Protein backbone atom coordinates (compact mmCIF):
# COMPACT_ATOMS: atom_id res chain seq x y z
CA MET A 1 160.80 53.67 138.77
CA ILE A 2 158.34 51.05 137.53
CA PHE A 3 154.65 51.75 136.85
CA VAL A 4 152.45 48.65 136.76
CA LEU A 5 149.06 49.37 135.27
CA SER A 6 146.11 47.71 133.64
CA ALA A 7 146.44 46.75 129.99
CA ASP A 8 143.34 48.78 129.03
CA VAL A 9 144.92 52.08 130.10
CA ASP A 10 145.28 53.18 126.46
CA ASP A 11 142.13 51.53 125.10
CA PRO A 12 140.00 54.26 123.43
CA GLY A 13 136.98 52.05 123.96
CA ALA A 14 137.46 52.05 127.72
CA PRO A 15 138.21 55.63 128.79
CA SER A 16 138.01 56.28 132.53
CA GLY A 17 139.26 58.81 135.03
CA GLY A 18 141.68 56.25 136.44
CA ASN A 19 143.11 55.43 133.03
CA VAL A 20 143.50 59.12 132.18
CA TYR A 21 145.27 59.74 135.49
CA ASP A 22 147.66 56.82 134.96
CA ARG A 23 148.54 57.82 131.42
CA ARG A 24 149.03 61.50 132.24
CA MET A 25 151.32 60.61 135.13
CA CYS A 26 153.44 58.42 132.86
CA GLN A 27 153.71 61.21 130.31
CA ALA A 28 154.47 63.92 132.87
CA LEU A 29 157.10 61.89 134.69
CA ALA A 30 158.77 61.14 131.36
CA ALA A 31 158.78 64.83 130.41
CA ALA A 32 160.40 65.64 133.75
CA GLY A 33 163.22 63.18 133.10
CA LYS A 34 161.81 60.55 135.46
CA ALA A 35 160.37 58.27 132.81
CA PRO A 36 158.88 55.16 134.40
CA ARG A 37 159.27 51.77 132.83
CA GLU A 38 155.72 50.68 132.14
CA ILE A 39 154.53 47.15 132.70
CA LYS A 40 151.02 46.58 131.39
CA VAL A 41 149.24 43.50 132.67
CA ALA A 42 146.18 42.07 130.98
CA GLY A 43 143.42 40.64 133.12
CA SER A 44 139.94 41.06 134.54
CA TRP A 45 141.12 43.07 137.52
CA PRO A 46 140.53 42.93 140.44
CA ARG A 47 139.46 39.32 139.81
CA PRO A 48 142.09 38.05 137.35
CA ASP A 49 142.44 34.48 136.17
CA ALA A 50 145.45 32.28 136.89
CA GLY A 51 147.25 33.43 133.75
CA ALA A 52 146.99 37.11 134.67
CA ARG A 53 148.16 36.39 138.22
CA SER A 54 151.19 34.56 136.85
CA GLU A 55 151.95 37.43 134.47
CA LEU A 56 151.87 39.95 137.32
CA SER A 57 153.98 37.69 139.53
CA ARG A 58 156.64 37.33 136.81
CA ALA A 59 156.63 41.09 136.19
CA LEU A 60 157.22 41.92 139.86
CA ALA A 61 159.83 39.18 140.24
CA GLY A 62 161.78 40.74 137.38
CA VAL A 63 162.07 44.12 139.11
CA PRO A 64 165.48 44.61 140.80
CA ASP A 65 165.63 45.00 144.57
CA GLY A 66 165.22 48.52 145.91
CA GLU A 67 163.19 49.88 142.99
CA VAL A 68 160.11 52.05 143.46
CA VAL A 69 157.08 50.33 141.96
CA LEU A 70 153.95 52.42 141.48
CA ILE A 71 151.08 50.01 140.93
CA ASP A 72 147.47 50.76 140.10
CA GLY A 73 145.21 49.69 142.93
CA LEU A 74 142.82 47.93 140.56
CA VAL A 75 145.68 45.58 139.69
CA ALA A 76 147.28 45.30 143.12
CA CYS A 77 144.51 45.24 145.69
CA GLY A 78 142.67 42.10 144.62
CA VAL A 79 145.78 39.88 144.65
CA PRO A 80 147.73 40.45 147.88
CA GLU A 81 149.13 36.92 147.61
CA VAL A 82 150.94 38.04 144.44
CA VAL A 83 151.94 41.56 145.49
CA THR A 84 152.83 41.45 149.18
CA PRO A 85 155.71 38.91 148.94
CA HIS A 86 157.68 41.66 147.14
CA ALA A 87 157.02 44.36 149.76
CA ARG A 88 160.26 43.81 151.69
CA ARG A 89 162.57 44.15 148.70
CA LEU A 90 160.68 46.78 146.68
CA HIS A 91 159.22 50.19 147.53
CA LEU A 92 155.60 49.45 146.63
CA VAL A 93 153.35 52.48 146.14
CA VAL A 94 149.68 51.69 145.48
CA LEU A 95 147.66 54.24 143.47
CA LEU A 96 144.12 53.70 144.77
CA HIS A 97 141.50 55.28 142.51
CA LEU A 98 138.50 53.55 144.10
CA PRO A 99 138.41 51.21 147.12
CA LEU A 100 137.40 47.84 145.71
CA ALA A 101 134.49 47.23 148.07
CA GLU A 102 132.89 50.54 147.07
CA GLU A 103 132.04 49.30 143.60
CA THR A 104 128.25 49.33 143.31
CA GLY A 105 126.33 46.08 142.94
CA LEU A 106 128.69 43.71 144.76
CA GLU A 107 127.24 40.92 146.83
CA PRO A 108 128.08 41.35 150.53
CA ASP A 109 130.40 38.34 150.62
CA GLU A 110 132.29 39.51 147.55
CA ALA A 111 132.63 43.05 148.88
CA ALA A 112 133.94 41.71 152.21
CA ASP A 113 136.48 39.50 150.46
CA LEU A 114 137.74 42.32 148.23
CA ASP A 115 137.91 44.61 151.23
CA ALA A 116 140.05 42.13 153.17
CA ARG A 117 142.34 41.63 150.17
CA GLU A 118 142.75 45.37 149.76
CA ARG A 119 143.60 45.74 153.46
CA ARG A 120 146.39 43.16 153.13
CA THR A 121 147.83 44.88 150.06
CA LEU A 122 147.69 48.41 151.46
CA GLY A 123 149.07 47.25 154.79
CA ALA A 124 152.18 45.93 153.08
CA ALA A 125 152.72 48.94 150.78
CA SER A 126 155.36 51.55 151.48
CA ALA A 127 152.86 54.28 150.56
CA VAL A 128 149.32 54.70 149.26
CA VAL A 129 148.28 57.46 146.85
CA VAL A 130 144.63 58.55 146.68
CA THR A 131 142.91 61.27 144.68
CA GLY A 132 141.21 63.31 147.40
CA PRO A 133 141.11 64.09 151.13
CA ALA A 134 137.76 62.39 151.68
CA VAL A 135 138.91 59.02 150.38
CA ALA A 136 142.22 59.41 152.25
CA GLY A 137 140.35 59.75 155.52
CA ARG A 138 138.16 56.74 154.77
CA VAL A 139 141.12 54.56 153.80
CA ILE A 140 143.12 55.55 156.89
CA ARG A 141 140.23 54.85 159.26
CA HIS A 142 138.85 51.77 157.57
CA HIS A 143 142.12 49.95 156.94
CA GLY A 144 143.96 51.19 160.01
CA LEU A 145 146.78 52.83 158.07
CA SER A 146 149.05 55.53 159.46
CA ALA A 147 148.27 58.95 158.02
CA GLU A 148 151.93 59.43 157.09
CA ARG A 149 151.71 56.59 154.55
CA VAL A 150 148.62 57.89 152.72
CA HIS A 151 149.15 60.77 150.29
CA VAL A 152 146.56 62.86 148.44
CA VAL A 153 147.52 63.67 144.85
CA ILE A 154 144.56 65.44 143.24
CA PRO A 155 143.92 64.78 139.52
CA GLY A 156 144.86 67.57 137.15
CA THR A 157 142.81 69.28 134.49
CA ASP A 158 143.76 70.54 131.05
CA PRO A 159 142.94 74.19 130.23
CA ALA A 160 140.07 74.42 127.76
CA PRO A 161 138.15 77.16 125.95
CA LEU A 162 134.85 78.34 127.35
CA ALA A 163 132.00 76.16 126.12
CA PRO A 164 129.49 78.16 124.06
CA GLY A 165 126.75 75.68 124.97
CA THR A 166 123.54 75.37 123.00
CA ASP A 167 120.93 77.81 124.27
CA GLY A 168 122.32 78.19 127.79
CA VAL A 169 119.68 75.94 129.33
CA SER A 170 118.49 72.85 127.54
CA ARG A 171 121.52 70.74 126.56
CA LEU A 172 122.38 68.30 129.36
CA LEU A 173 125.47 66.09 129.29
CA CYS A 174 126.41 63.08 131.42
CA VAL A 175 129.98 61.83 130.88
CA ALA A 176 130.53 58.54 132.71
CA SER A 177 130.98 54.83 132.19
CA VAL A 178 127.59 53.19 131.83
CA THR A 179 127.46 51.32 135.14
CA VAL A 180 125.12 51.22 138.11
CA ARG A 181 127.69 53.12 140.21
CA LYS A 182 127.44 56.13 137.88
CA GLY A 183 123.69 56.36 138.42
CA GLN A 184 122.40 57.00 134.91
CA ASP A 185 119.15 55.28 135.91
CA LEU A 186 118.56 57.96 138.53
CA LEU A 187 118.99 60.70 135.95
CA VAL A 188 116.61 58.97 133.53
CA GLU A 189 113.98 58.76 136.29
CA ALA A 190 114.45 62.46 137.09
CA LEU A 191 114.28 63.47 133.44
CA ALA A 192 111.03 61.54 133.05
CA THR A 193 109.35 64.18 135.23
CA MET A 194 110.60 67.10 133.09
CA ALA A 195 107.61 67.28 130.75
CA GLY A 196 107.71 71.01 130.11
CA PRO A 197 111.23 72.20 129.20
CA GLN A 198 112.58 71.34 125.76
CA TRP A 199 115.68 69.60 127.08
CA THR A 200 117.92 66.95 125.53
CA CYS A 201 120.43 64.76 127.35
CA GLU A 202 123.49 63.01 125.97
CA PHE A 203 125.00 60.08 127.86
CA THR A 204 128.63 59.66 126.80
CA GLY A 205 130.86 56.87 128.08
CA PRO A 206 131.93 53.26 127.61
CA VAL A 207 129.37 50.55 128.27
CA ARG A 208 130.71 48.45 131.15
CA ASP A 209 127.38 46.68 131.69
CA PRO A 210 125.32 45.94 128.54
CA GLY A 211 122.39 44.72 130.64
CA TYR A 212 122.29 48.03 132.48
CA LEU A 213 122.31 49.94 129.18
CA ARG A 214 119.41 47.82 127.96
CA ARG A 215 117.44 48.67 131.10
CA LEU A 216 118.21 52.37 130.63
CA ARG A 217 116.94 52.30 127.06
CA GLU A 218 113.81 50.46 128.16
CA ALA A 219 113.21 53.11 130.83
CA THR A 220 113.48 55.95 128.31
CA GLU A 221 110.96 54.15 126.08
CA ARG A 222 108.62 53.51 129.00
CA HIS A 223 108.71 57.15 130.05
CA GLY A 224 108.33 58.47 126.51
CA ILE A 225 111.64 60.37 126.51
CA SER A 226 113.71 58.19 124.16
CA GLY A 227 113.62 60.93 121.51
CA ARG A 228 115.36 63.33 123.88
CA VAL A 229 118.04 60.96 125.18
CA THR A 230 121.12 59.74 123.32
CA PHE A 231 123.63 57.08 124.37
CA THR A 232 126.76 57.74 122.30
CA GLY A 233 129.29 55.25 123.69
CA PRO A 234 132.82 56.43 124.53
CA ARG A 235 134.26 59.65 123.15
CA THR A 236 137.76 61.01 123.51
CA GLY A 237 139.90 63.81 122.08
CA GLU A 238 138.25 66.24 119.71
CA ALA A 239 134.93 64.36 119.73
CA LEU A 240 134.66 64.66 123.50
CA ALA A 241 135.75 68.31 123.39
CA ALA A 242 132.97 69.05 120.88
CA THR A 243 130.48 67.27 123.12
CA TYR A 244 131.47 69.42 126.08
CA ALA A 245 131.33 72.56 123.92
CA ALA A 246 127.63 71.99 123.21
CA ALA A 247 126.70 71.36 126.85
CA ASP A 248 124.79 73.85 129.00
CA LEU A 249 124.86 71.71 132.18
CA VAL A 250 126.95 68.66 133.06
CA VAL A 251 125.19 66.11 135.27
CA LEU A 252 127.02 63.46 137.30
CA PRO A 253 124.44 61.34 139.19
CA SER A 254 126.96 58.86 140.67
CA ARG A 255 126.17 56.66 143.63
CA ALA A 256 129.89 56.74 144.56
CA GLU A 257 132.87 58.84 143.50
CA THR A 258 136.33 59.36 144.96
CA PHE A 259 136.91 62.62 143.06
CA GLY A 260 134.91 63.10 139.86
CA MET A 261 137.27 64.25 137.12
CA VAL A 262 134.26 65.00 134.91
CA VAL A 263 133.43 67.82 137.33
CA THR A 264 136.75 69.59 136.81
CA GLU A 265 136.65 68.91 133.05
CA ALA A 266 133.30 70.73 132.95
CA LEU A 267 134.55 73.60 135.11
CA ALA A 268 137.62 74.01 132.89
CA ARG A 269 135.10 74.97 130.19
CA GLY A 270 132.98 77.15 132.46
CA ILE A 271 130.08 74.67 132.50
CA PRO A 272 128.05 74.44 135.72
CA VAL A 273 127.62 71.01 137.26
CA LEU A 274 124.76 69.14 138.87
CA ALA A 275 126.18 66.22 140.86
CA THR A 276 125.54 63.99 143.82
CA ARG A 277 127.15 64.80 147.16
CA THR A 278 129.34 61.71 147.20
CA PRO A 279 132.53 62.16 149.26
CA GLY A 280 134.94 63.24 146.52
CA VAL A 281 132.66 65.45 144.44
CA PRO A 282 132.42 68.56 146.67
CA GLU A 283 136.24 68.62 146.69
CA ALA A 284 136.32 68.59 142.90
CA LEU A 285 133.55 71.19 142.60
CA GLY A 286 135.14 73.54 145.13
CA ARG A 287 134.32 77.22 145.37
CA ALA A 288 135.05 80.23 143.20
CA PRO A 289 137.21 83.08 144.62
CA ASP A 290 134.06 84.89 145.75
CA GLY A 291 132.96 81.84 147.76
CA SER A 292 130.20 80.80 145.37
CA VAL A 293 129.69 77.16 144.38
CA PRO A 294 129.75 76.49 140.61
CA GLY A 295 127.10 73.81 140.71
CA LEU A 296 124.28 72.06 142.50
CA LEU A 297 124.79 69.12 144.87
CA VAL A 298 122.08 66.61 145.78
CA PRO A 299 122.08 63.46 147.93
CA PRO A 300 123.23 60.28 146.14
CA ASP A 301 120.76 57.62 145.04
CA ASP A 302 117.86 60.09 145.06
CA ALA A 303 116.06 60.61 141.74
CA THR A 304 113.57 62.98 143.36
CA ALA A 305 116.35 65.31 144.55
CA LEU A 306 117.84 65.26 141.04
CA ALA A 307 114.45 66.20 139.60
CA VAL A 308 114.07 69.11 142.05
CA ALA A 309 117.53 70.41 141.12
CA LEU A 310 116.76 70.11 137.40
CA ARG A 311 113.53 72.07 137.82
CA SER A 312 115.53 74.77 139.59
CA TRP A 313 118.01 74.83 136.69
CA PHE A 314 115.30 75.06 134.03
CA GLY A 315 113.03 77.42 135.90
CA ASP A 316 115.30 79.99 137.57
CA GLU A 317 117.19 82.17 135.13
CA GLU A 318 118.91 84.17 137.88
CA SER A 319 120.19 80.97 139.49
CA ARG A 320 121.57 79.79 136.13
CA ARG A 321 123.33 83.11 135.70
CA ARG A 322 124.97 82.83 139.13
CA LEU A 323 126.07 79.24 138.53
CA LYS A 324 127.61 80.10 135.17
CA ARG A 325 129.44 83.08 136.61
CA SER A 326 130.79 80.92 139.43
CA ALA A 327 131.90 78.22 136.98
CA HIS A 328 133.75 80.82 134.90
CA LEU A 329 135.53 82.11 138.00
CA ARG A 330 136.45 78.60 139.15
CA ARG A 331 138.25 77.83 135.87
CA GLY A 332 141.45 79.60 136.88
CA MET A 333 141.73 77.76 140.20
CA LEU A 334 141.90 74.19 138.96
CA THR A 335 144.93 71.97 139.58
CA THR A 336 146.99 71.37 136.43
CA TRP A 337 148.46 68.04 135.41
CA ASP A 338 151.94 69.51 135.83
CA GLU A 339 151.14 70.28 139.46
CA THR A 340 149.76 66.77 139.92
CA SER A 341 152.86 65.14 138.45
CA ARG A 342 155.21 67.24 140.59
CA HIS A 343 153.29 66.25 143.69
CA LEU A 344 153.38 62.57 142.75
CA ALA A 345 157.12 62.78 142.05
CA GLN A 346 157.63 64.20 145.56
CA VAL A 347 155.66 61.34 147.09
CA LEU A 348 157.72 58.76 145.19
CA LYS A 349 160.94 60.46 146.28
CA MET A 350 159.84 60.42 149.91
CA THR A 351 159.18 56.70 149.66
CA VAL A 352 162.89 55.88 149.40
CA MET A 353 164.14 58.43 151.93
């Protein structure tokens, strides 16, 4: 089996849910005796230059007939003219983390072009793997794919110790790439209305858009909250674990998500979550065994709703207690990476049957 993935999958300066998923699947398949041969392709995906296209074309041409090729959707879906000619001789499986046209900030013409390119690629693939039921339904309906060819393989979560937090209330944490899609501007606007509580908020994640970060910093200065807000850049490993350990509430204000691995990372530590009700997030948040929800959900792209939810968090001790209890109960229900890898291995096996 061949796994074609973006060259930045192991870049500590560019951590992302998709990169974590890809790397953990490689590791788990190897541990199970099904080690994929990795082909990393450099390029500005999904809009690569001619050199990157040629590199991908040569890589696929070098794969023997009949092989299963698992290819990251970010690499595959923007270049159907490179990928689809190999569909008849290879078992192409596209791992779609985020439909290309759902990236925030695209011009309508660009979104339409990427959408059409993705449709061509997925239509030629032997199978498509997505990370949640909501995105599976959208992909099936939107691209006209048969349900039998689209498989949900939910991201796993590593067990983690309970986070002690700071004081149980005031330490907010947002773990996400700094991009418009992740909605940090909405959270800054909501926090600007929190004059009373002695909160602090840490934004942790790689800066994908320096101009957006500059606007965020300017907003914190304008609202007089720059002393309470920290932008740390990317953190991984022990540094990220320590950041989670200090958090009392994890906030994910995304405008779009297909799953939200940050949600399950927080729940693995018993940390409640405030997030937007984008299609994949309620699936990640789930319910505890007693039916309670371990977090608060608000409409996307709504700073006012975020502010209302934050006031509820700060002002209602009984509600905080219930949310924390629910998050603690939810910890033991999360999908593990071993379960995820076994499921993916089954999908790949079915592809050649």
